[in-house]
């Protein structure tokens, strides 16, 4: 060993060829805790009652076209604040195509019955899309105050 003038020894330090993984383990544990806390919050299958909403209403068209969809699959169409007329699916598509040919920026409001199945409402929306109308909005009632 080498000595200095004062008589002390000089040590040569050896370099370590290891990776310090402690910081990586800390980061991994923090991420694990974050994922464990947020995973239960990502539940997509909750029970909901669709027709009521507290959402602020959007600006409605002046003369709305309203398609009413009943629980038993019947359809009714109301044009420009007129009378709600029941009609078949084919008649409704033909009527909506005629309206769309006059006004390309037509918006249709869908008034689905509360007890109508999701499939019944979606079938009605598909008929509206088949008529060439892309702007479709759902109508809901304000939530009842309890």
C-alpha atoms as a PDB file:
ATOM      1  CA  UNK A   1       0.000   0.000   0.000  1.00  0.00           C
ATOM      2  CA  UNK A   2       1.083   3.516  -0.676  1.00  0.00           C
ATOM      3  CA  UNK A   3       1.675   5.966   2.126  1.00  0.00           C
ATOM      4  CA  UNK A   4       1.482   9.742   2.180  1.00  0.00           C
ATOM      5  CA  UNK A   5       4.091  12.051   3.708  1.00  0.00           C
ATOM      6  CA  UNK A   6       2.138  12.088   6.974  1.00  0.00           C
ATOM      7  CA  UNK A   7       2.163   8.341   7.060  1.00  0.00           C
ATOM      8  CA  UNK A   8      -1.450   7.717   6.173  1.00  0.00           C
ATOM      9  CA  UNK A   9      -2.465   5.021   3.813  1.00  0.00           C
ATOM     10  CA  UNK A  10      -4.099   5.789   0.468  1.00  0.00           C
ATOM     11  CA  UNK A  11      -6.890   3.437  -0.505  1.00  0.00           C
ATOM     12  CA  UNK A  12      -7.894   2.891  -4.074  1.00  0.00           C
ATOM     13  CA  UNK A  13     -11.670   2.616  -4.451  1.00  0.00           C
ATOM     14  CA  UNK A  14     -13.024  -0.042  -6.738  1.00  0.00           C
ATOM     15  CA  UNK A  15     -15.884   0.950  -9.038  1.00  0.00           C
ATOM     16  CA  UNK A  16     -19.120  -0.966  -8.664  1.00  0.00           C
ATOM     17  CA  UNK A  17     -20.534  -2.410 -11.869  1.00  0.00           C
ATOM     18  CA  UNK A  18     -24.075  -2.737 -10.473  1.00  0.00           C
ATOM     19  CA  UNK A  19     -27.230  -0.791 -11.245  1.00  0.00           C
ATOM     20  CA  UNK A  20     -28.934   0.839  -8.309  1.00  0.00           C
ATOM     21  CA  UNK A  21     -32.533  -0.415  -8.663  1.00  0.00           C
ATOM     22  CA  UNK A  22     -33.944   1.112  -5.461  1.00  0.00           C
ATOM     23  CA  UNK A  23     -35.338   4.238  -7.232  1.00  0.00           C
ATOM     24  CA  UNK A  24     -36.970   2.036  -9.876  1.00  0.00           C
ATOM     25  CA  UNK A  25     -38.629  -0.097  -7.195  1.00  0.00           C
ATOM     26  CA  UNK A  26     -40.009   3.053  -5.545  1.00  0.00           C
ATOM     27  CA  UNK A  27     -41.503   4.264  -8.816  1.00  0.00           C
ATOM     28  CA  UNK A  28     -42.967   0.820  -9.517  1.00  0.00           C
ATOM     29  CA  UNK A  29     -44.645   0.682  -6.100  1.00  0.00           C
ATOM     30  CA  UNK A  30     -46.165   4.154  -6.551  1.00  0.00           C
ATOM     31  CA  UNK A  31     -47.547   3.151  -9.955  1.00  0.00           C
ATOM     32  CA  UNK A  32     -48.911  -0.091  -8.512  1.00  0.00           C
ATOM     33  CA  UNK A  33     -50.782   1.819  -5.813  1.00  0.00           C
ATOM     34  CA  UNK A  34     -52.181   4.278  -8.366  1.00  0.00           C
ATOM     35  CA  UNK A  35     -53.468   1.457 -10.592  1.00  0.00           C
ATOM     36  CA  UNK A  36     -54.932  -0.415  -7.633  1.00  0.00           C
ATOM     37  CA  UNK A  37     -56.882   2.668  -6.547  1.00  0.00           C
ATOM     38  CA  UNK A  38     -58.133   3.669 -10.012  1.00  0.00           C
ATOM     39  CA  UNK A  39     -59.040   0.206 -11.364  1.00  0.00           C
ATOM     40  CA  UNK A  40     -62.282  -0.164  -9.349  1.00  0.00           C
ATOM     41  CA  UNK A  41     -63.383   3.304 -10.486  1.00  0.00           C
ATOM     42  CA  UNK A  42     -63.386   2.211 -14.126  1.00  0.00           C
ATOM     43  CA  UNK A  43     -66.576   0.161 -13.773  1.00  0.00           C
ATOM     44  CA  UNK A  44     -68.634   0.613 -16.946  1.00  0.00           C
ATOM     45  CA  UNK A  45     -71.600  -1.571 -16.039  1.00  0.00           C
ATOM     46  CA  UNK A  46     -73.631   0.646 -13.706  1.00  0.00           C
ATOM     47  CA  UNK A  47     -77.415   0.778 -13.438  1.00  0.00           C
ATOM     48  CA  UNK A  48     -78.886   3.996 -14.782  1.00  0.00           C
ATOM     49  CA  UNK A  49     -82.303   5.447 -15.530  1.00  0.00           C
ATOM     50  CA  UNK A  50     -81.905   7.256 -18.823  1.00  0.00           C
ATOM     51  CA  UNK A  51     -84.851   9.572 -19.397  1.00  0.00           C
ATOM     52  CA  UNK A  52     -84.125  12.028 -16.561  1.00  0.00           C
ATOM     53  CA  UNK A  53     -81.216  14.435 -16.708  1.00  0.00           C
ATOM     54  CA  UNK A  54     -79.897  17.516 -14.937  1.00  0.00           C
ATOM     55  CA  UNK A  55     -77.928  18.551 -18.004  1.00  0.00           C
ATOM     56  CA  UNK A  56     -78.479  22.035 -19.288  1.00  0.00           C
ATOM     57  CA  UNK A  57     -80.542  22.022 -22.433  1.00  0.00           C
ATOM     58  CA  UNK A  58     -78.804  22.872 -25.649  1.00  0.00           C
ATOM     59  CA  UNK A  59     -80.122  25.398 -28.082  1.00  0.00           C
ATOM     60  CA  UNK A  60     -83.066  23.693 -29.738  1.00  0.00           C
ATOM     61  CA  UNK A  61     -83.988  24.346 -33.368  1.00  0.00           C
ATOM     62  CA  UNK A  62     -86.864  26.802 -33.955  1.00  0.00           C
ATOM     63  CA  UNK A  63     -89.051  24.284 -35.784  1.00  0.00           C
ATOM     64  CA  UNK A  64     -87.937  20.932 -34.430  1.00  0.00           C
ATOM     65  CA  UNK A  65     -88.589  17.616 -36.082  1.00  0.00           C
ATOM     66  CA  UNK A  66     -89.457  15.181 -33.324  1.00  0.00           C
ATOM     67  CA  UNK A  67     -89.546  11.415 -33.726  1.00  0.00           C
ATOM     68  CA  UNK A  68     -91.380   9.658 -30.905  1.00  0.00           C
ATOM     69  CA  UNK A  69     -90.460   6.044 -30.267  1.00  0.00           C
ATOM     70  CA  UNK A  70     -92.902   4.039 -28.172  1.00  0.00           C
ATOM     71  CA  UNK A  71     -92.083   0.967 -26.082  1.00  0.00           C
ATOM     72  CA  UNK A  72     -93.955  -1.363 -28.434  1.00  0.00           C
ATOM     73  CA  UNK A  73     -91.926  -0.233 -31.461  1.00  0.00           C
ATOM     74  CA  UNK A  74     -94.401   2.267 -32.970  1.00  0.00           C
ATOM     75  CA  UNK A  75     -93.147   5.536 -34.415  1.00  0.00           C
ATOM     76  CA  UNK A  76     -94.687   8.988 -34.589  1.00  0.00           C
ATOM     77  CA  UNK A  77     -93.380  12.047 -36.406  1.00  0.00           C
ATOM     78  CA  UNK A  78     -94.055  15.695 -35.603  1.00  0.00           C
ATOM     79  CA  UNK A  79     -92.982  18.305 -38.126  1.00  0.00           C
ATOM     80  CA  UNK A  80     -92.832  22.027 -37.315  1.00  0.00           C
ATOM     81  CA  UNK A  81     -95.017  22.126 -34.202  1.00  0.00           C
ATOM     82  CA  UNK A  82     -97.730  20.163 -35.936  1.00  0.00           C
ATOM     83  CA  UNK A  83     -99.627  17.137 -34.768  1.00  0.00           C
ATOM     84  CA  UNK A  84     -97.778  13.983 -33.740  1.00  0.00           C
ATOM     85  CA  UNK A  85     -98.662  11.513 -36.529  1.00  0.00           C
ATOM     86  CA  UNK A  86     -98.174   7.778 -36.092  1.00  0.00           C
ATOM     87  CA  UNK A  87     -96.609   6.081 -39.111  1.00  0.00           C
ATOM     88  CA  UNK A  88     -94.725   3.025 -40.181  1.00  0.00           C
ATOM     89  CA  UNK A  89     -90.953   2.912 -40.320  1.00  0.00           C
ATOM     90  CA  UNK A  90     -90.888   3.105 -44.132  1.00  0.00           C
ATOM     91  CA  UNK A  91     -93.232   6.122 -44.182  1.00  0.00           C
ATOM     92  CA  UNK A  92     -91.132   7.870 -41.559  1.00  0.00           C
ATOM     93  CA  UNK A  93     -87.915   7.335 -43.549  1.00  0.00           C
ATOM     94  CA  UNK A  94     -89.589   8.668 -46.702  1.00  0.00           C
ATOM     95  CA  UNK A  95     -90.916  11.733 -44.870  1.00  0.00           C
ATOM     96  CA  UNK A  96     -87.508  12.452 -43.285  1.00  0.00           C
ATOM     97  CA  UNK A  97     -85.776  12.115 -46.666  1.00  0.00           C
ATOM     98  CA  UNK A  98     -88.169  14.702 -48.090  1.00  0.00           C
ATOM     99  CA  UNK A  99     -87.424  17.061 -45.186  1.00  0.00           C
ATOM    100  CA  UNK A 100     -83.675  16.535 -45.618  1.00  0.00           C
ATOM    101  CA  UNK A 101     -83.872  17.323 -49.344  1.00  0.00           C
ATOM    102  CA  UNK A 102     -85.400  20.719 -48.476  1.00  0.00           C
ATOM    103  CA  UNK A 103     -82.952  21.446 -45.641  1.00  0.00           C
ATOM    104  CA  UNK A 104     -79.612  19.646 -45.500  1.00  0.00           C
ATOM    105  CA  UNK A 105     -78.826  20.891 -41.964  1.00  0.00           C
ATOM    106  CA  UNK A 106     -81.844  19.215 -40.379  1.00  0.00           C
ATOM    107  CA  UNK A 107     -81.693  18.154 -36.727  1.00  0.00           C
ATOM    108  CA  UNK A 108     -84.038  15.470 -35.436  1.00  0.00           C
ATOM    109  CA  UNK A 109     -84.974  15.174 -31.769  1.00  0.00           C
ATOM    110  CA  UNK A 110     -85.699  11.635 -30.565  1.00  0.00           C
ATOM    111  CA  UNK A 111     -88.352  11.367 -27.877  1.00  0.00           C
ATOM    112  CA  UNK A 112     -87.967   7.796 -26.595  1.00  0.00           C
ATOM    113  CA  UNK A 113     -90.423   6.355 -24.107  1.00  0.00           C
ATOM    114  CA  UNK A 114     -89.025   5.644 -20.666  1.00  0.00           C
ATOM    115  CA  UNK A 115     -90.016   1.987 -20.805  1.00  0.00           C
ATOM    116  CA  UNK A 116     -88.743   1.483 -24.366  1.00  0.00           C
ATOM    117  CA  UNK A 117     -85.831  -0.894 -24.668  1.00  0.00           C
ATOM    118  CA  UNK A 118     -82.446   0.398 -25.735  1.00  0.00           C
ATOM    119  CA  UNK A 119     -82.683  -1.682 -28.904  1.00  0.00           C
ATOM    120  CA  UNK A 120     -86.030  -0.112 -29.825  1.00  0.00           C
ATOM    121  CA  UNK A 121     -84.604   3.404 -29.496  1.00  0.00           C
ATOM    122  CA  UNK A 122     -81.445   2.466 -31.424  1.00  0.00           C
ATOM    123  CA  UNK A 123     -83.551   0.969 -34.228  1.00  0.00           C
ATOM    124  CA  UNK A 124     -85.409   4.272 -34.486  1.00  0.00           C
ATOM    125  CA  UNK A 125     -82.139   6.211 -34.605  1.00  0.00           C
ATOM    126  CA  UNK A 126     -80.898   3.847 -37.336  1.00  0.00           C
ATOM    127  CA  UNK A 127     -84.005   4.664 -39.387  1.00  0.00           C
ATOM    128  CA  UNK A 128     -83.269   8.378 -39.006  1.00  0.00           C
ATOM    129  CA  UNK A 129     -79.679   7.771 -40.136  1.00  0.00           C
ATOM    130  CA  UNK A 130     -81.000   5.762 -43.105  1.00  0.00           C
ATOM    131  CA  UNK A 131     -82.959   8.862 -44.132  1.00  0.00           C
ATOM    132  CA  UNK A 132     -79.617  10.693 -44.443  1.00  0.00           C
ATOM    133  CA  UNK A 133     -79.895  12.827 -41.315  1.00  0.00           C
ATOM    134  CA  UNK A 134     -76.705  12.921 -39.247  1.00  0.00           C
ATOM    135  CA  UNK A 135     -77.709  15.345 -36.493  1.00  0.00           C
ATOM    136  CA  UNK A 136     -79.746  13.404 -33.950  1.00  0.00           C
ATOM    137  CA  UNK A 137     -80.380  14.464 -30.345  1.00  0.00           C
ATOM    138  CA  UNK A 138     -82.128  12.680 -27.498  1.00  0.00           C
ATOM    139  CA  UNK A 139     -84.859  14.402 -25.478  1.00  0.00           C
ATOM    140  CA  UNK A 140     -85.051  13.893 -21.724  1.00  0.00           C
ATOM    141  CA  UNK A 141     -87.105  15.273 -18.857  1.00  0.00           C
ATOM    142  CA  UNK A 142     -85.522  17.249 -16.046  1.00  0.00           C
ATOM    143  CA  UNK A 143     -84.760  15.170 -12.989  1.00  0.00           C
ATOM    144  CA  UNK A 144     -87.551  15.174 -10.423  1.00  0.00           C
ATOM    145  CA  UNK A 145     -86.749  16.980  -7.176  1.00  0.00           C
ATOM    146  CA  UNK A 146     -87.130  14.654  -4.177  1.00  0.00           C
END
